[in-house]
Amino acid sequence: MAIMYPDSITHYNPTKSEKIFYEKLRDSLNDNYKVFYSIKWFTEKDGVRVNSESDFLIFDPTLGYLCIEVKGGKGIERISDVWKLILSDDDNEREG
């Protein structure tokens, strides 16, 4: 089992898709992997601080790391250069 940080995400109010993904990572990866939920960082653009967040950071000491943004919903639509997430009612609900 992967080592999860935090060991439970219930009090973080995760989306349904984040909770499912969290549990799948925990149960599928071996204990070489460390998985961090909701990692926040900031950058600076034109002198203004821009906050951002990754849903998951998966780290393996021999392979490196991978940041993942989890989306739920029914699909993704692209119109020209604009990508739009098509949500279902369930994906707007938070687990908690």
C-alpha atoms as a PDB file:
ATOM      1  CA  MET A   1       0.000   0.000   0.000  1.00  0.00           C
ATOM      2  CA  ALA A   2       1.208   3.498  -0.837  1.00  0.00           C
ATOM      3  CA  ILE A   3       2.025   5.850   2.024  1.00  0.00           C
ATOM      4  CA  MET A   4      -0.631   8.566   1.912  1.00  0.00           C
ATOM      5  CA  TYR A   5      -0.338  12.163   3.127  1.00  0.00           C
ATOM      6  CA  PRO A   6      -2.706  12.832   4.754  1.00  0.00           C
ATOM      7  CA  ASP A   7      -3.812   9.362   5.762  1.00  0.00           C
ATOM      8  CA  SER A   8      -7.453  10.430   5.232  1.00  0.00           C
ATOM      9  CA  ILE A   9      -8.869  13.180   2.989  1.00  0.00           C
ATOM     10  CA  THR A  10     -12.401  13.195   4.392  1.00  0.00           C
ATOM     11  CA  HIS A  11     -11.997  16.519   6.237  1.00  0.00           C
ATOM     12  CA  TYR A  12     -10.575  18.130   3.050  1.00  0.00           C
ATOM     13  CA  ASN A  13     -14.015  17.917   1.415  1.00  0.00           C
ATOM     14  CA  PRO A  14     -12.828  16.023  -1.708  1.00  0.00           C
ATOM     15  CA  THR A  15     -14.868  15.617  -4.858  1.00  0.00           C
ATOM     16  CA  LYS A  16     -16.221  12.153  -5.565  1.00  0.00           C
ATOM     17  CA  SER A  17     -13.625  11.615  -8.327  1.00  0.00           C
ATOM     18  CA  GLU A  18     -10.745  12.693  -6.019  1.00  0.00           C
ATOM     19  CA  LYS A  19     -11.900  10.283  -3.311  1.00  0.00           C
ATOM     20  CA  ILE A  20     -12.096   7.369  -5.773  1.00  0.00           C
ATOM     21  CA  PHE A  21      -8.648   8.185  -7.191  1.00  0.00           C
ATOM     22  CA  TYR A  22      -7.134   8.573  -3.691  1.00  0.00           C
ATOM     23  CA  GLU A  23      -8.405   5.147  -2.664  1.00  0.00           C
ATOM     24  CA  LYS A  24      -7.213   3.525  -5.902  1.00  0.00           C
ATOM     25  CA  LEU A  25      -3.692   4.946  -5.460  1.00  0.00           C
ATOM     26  CA  ARG A  26      -3.593   3.879  -1.815  1.00  0.00           C
ATOM     27  CA  ASP A  27      -4.697   0.332  -2.579  1.00  0.00           C
ATOM     28  CA  SER A  28      -2.795  -0.216  -5.860  1.00  0.00           C
ATOM     29  CA  LEU A  29       0.675   1.253  -5.330  1.00  0.00           C
ATOM     30  CA  ASN A  30       3.292  -0.395  -3.132  1.00  0.00           C
ATOM     31  CA  ASP A  31       4.873   1.292  -0.102  1.00  0.00           C
ATOM     32  CA  ASN A  32       7.784   2.684  -2.172  1.00  0.00           C
ATOM     33  CA  TYR A  33       5.313   5.342  -3.297  1.00  0.00           C
ATOM     34  CA  LYS A  34       4.380   8.393  -1.273  1.00  0.00           C
ATOM     35  CA  VAL A  35       1.198  10.151  -2.356  1.00  0.00           C
ATOM     36  CA  PHE A  36       0.425  13.728  -1.308  1.00  0.00           C
ATOM     37  CA  TYR A  37      -3.071  15.172  -1.659  1.00  0.00           C
ATOM     38  CA  SER A  38      -3.874  18.806  -2.485  1.00  0.00           C
ATOM     39  CA  ILE A  39      -0.388  20.301  -2.829  1.00  0.00           C
ATOM     40  CA  LYS A  40      -0.496  24.073  -3.116  1.00  0.00           C
ATOM     41  CA  TRP A  41       2.102  26.368  -4.653  1.00  0.00           C
ATOM     42  CA  PHE A  42       2.317  29.830  -6.120  1.00  0.00           C
ATOM     43  CA  THR A  43       4.059  31.518  -9.008  1.00  0.00           C
ATOM     44  CA  GLU A  44       4.451  35.125  -9.946  1.00  0.00           C
ATOM     45  CA  LYS A  45       3.124  36.628 -13.164  1.00  0.00           C
ATOM     46  CA  ASP A  46       3.667  40.304 -13.964  1.00  0.00           C
ATOM     47  CA  GLY A  47       4.459  40.983 -10.306  1.00  0.00           C
ATOM     48  CA  VAL A  48       1.238  39.346  -9.085  1.00  0.00           C
ATOM     49  CA  ARG A  49       1.194  36.193  -6.994  1.00  0.00           C
ATOM     50  CA  VAL A  50      -0.828  33.431  -8.645  1.00  0.00           C
ATOM     51  CA  ASN A  51      -1.997  30.572  -6.424  1.00  0.00           C
ATOM     52  CA  SER A  52      -2.338  27.074  -7.813  1.00  0.00           C
ATOM     53  CA  GLU A  53      -2.814  23.511  -6.612  1.00  0.00           C
ATOM     54  CA  SER A  54      -2.274  19.938  -7.757  1.00  0.00           C
ATOM     55  CA  ASP A  55      -4.740  17.307  -6.607  1.00  0.00           C
ATOM     56  CA  PHE A  56      -2.066  14.621  -6.262  1.00  0.00           C
ATOM     57  CA  LEU A  57       1.713  14.457  -6.160  1.00  0.00           C
ATOM     58  CA  ILE A  58       2.930  10.868  -6.491  1.00  0.00           C
ATOM     59  CA  PHE A  59       6.566  10.357  -5.512  1.00  0.00           C
ATOM     60  CA  ASP A  60       8.872   7.370  -5.946  1.00  0.00           C
ATOM     61  CA  PRO A  61      12.522   7.803  -4.839  1.00  0.00           C
ATOM     62  CA  THR A  62      13.852   5.869  -7.866  1.00  0.00           C
ATOM     63  CA  LEU A  63      11.485   7.165 -10.553  1.00  0.00           C
ATOM     64  CA  GLY A  64      10.750  10.762  -9.515  1.00  0.00           C
ATOM     65  CA  TYR A  65       7.382  12.432  -9.192  1.00  0.00           C
ATOM     66  CA  LEU A  66       4.165  12.996 -11.080  1.00  0.00           C
ATOM     67  CA  CYS A  67       1.563  15.720 -10.476  1.00  0.00           C
ATOM     68  CA  ILE A  68      -2.028  14.847 -11.324  1.00  0.00           C
ATOM     69  CA  GLU A  69      -5.151  16.967 -11.617  1.00  0.00           C
ATOM     70  CA  VAL A  70      -8.274  14.814 -11.259  1.00  0.00           C
ATOM     71  CA  LYS A  71     -11.441  15.771 -13.090  1.00  0.00           C
ATOM     72  CA  GLY A  72     -14.808  14.112 -12.858  1.00  0.00           C
ATOM     73  CA  GLY A  73     -17.822  14.672 -15.005  1.00  0.00           C
ATOM     74  CA  LYS A  74     -19.171  13.195 -18.191  1.00  0.00           C
ATOM     75  CA  GLY A  75     -16.452  14.309 -20.577  1.00  0.00           C
ATOM     76  CA  ILE A  76     -14.330  17.079 -22.025  1.00  0.00           C
ATOM     77  CA  GLU A  77     -15.329  19.251 -24.948  1.00  0.00           C
ATOM     78  CA  ARG A  78     -12.992  21.318 -27.102  1.00  0.00           C
ATOM     79  CA  ILE A  79     -14.148  24.311 -29.107  1.00  0.00           C
ATOM     80  CA  SER A  80     -11.206  25.866 -30.992  1.00  0.00           C
ATOM     81  CA  ASP A  81      -8.537  26.344 -28.313  1.00  0.00           C
ATOM     82  CA  VAL A  82     -10.957  26.299 -25.363  1.00  0.00           C
ATOM     83  CA  TRP A  83     -11.364  23.106 -23.309  1.00  0.00           C
ATOM     84  CA  LYS A  84     -14.519  22.696 -21.216  1.00  0.00           C
ATOM     85  CA  LEU A  85     -15.281  20.077 -18.572  1.00  0.00           C
ATOM     86  CA  ILE A  86     -18.811  18.690 -18.881  1.00  0.00           C
ATOM     87  CA  LEU A  87     -20.005  18.042 -15.335  1.00  0.00           C
ATOM     88  CA  SER A  88     -22.701  15.728 -14.100  1.00  0.00           C
ATOM     89  CA  ASP A  89     -24.738  16.527 -10.996  1.00  0.00           C
ATOM     90  CA  ASP A  90     -22.793  13.971  -8.916  1.00  0.00           C
ATOM     91  CA  ASP A  91     -19.439  15.596  -9.685  1.00  0.00           C
ATOM     92  CA  ASN A  92     -20.570  18.856  -8.090  1.00  0.00           C
ATOM     93  CA  GLU A  93     -21.277  17.047  -4.841  1.00  0.00           C
ATOM     94  CA  ARG A  94     -18.559  16.972  -2.229  1.00  0.00           C
ATOM     95  CA  GLU A  95     -17.824  14.004   0.005  1.00  0.00           C
ATOM     96  CA  GLY A  96     -17.370  14.786   3.635  1.00  0.00           C
END
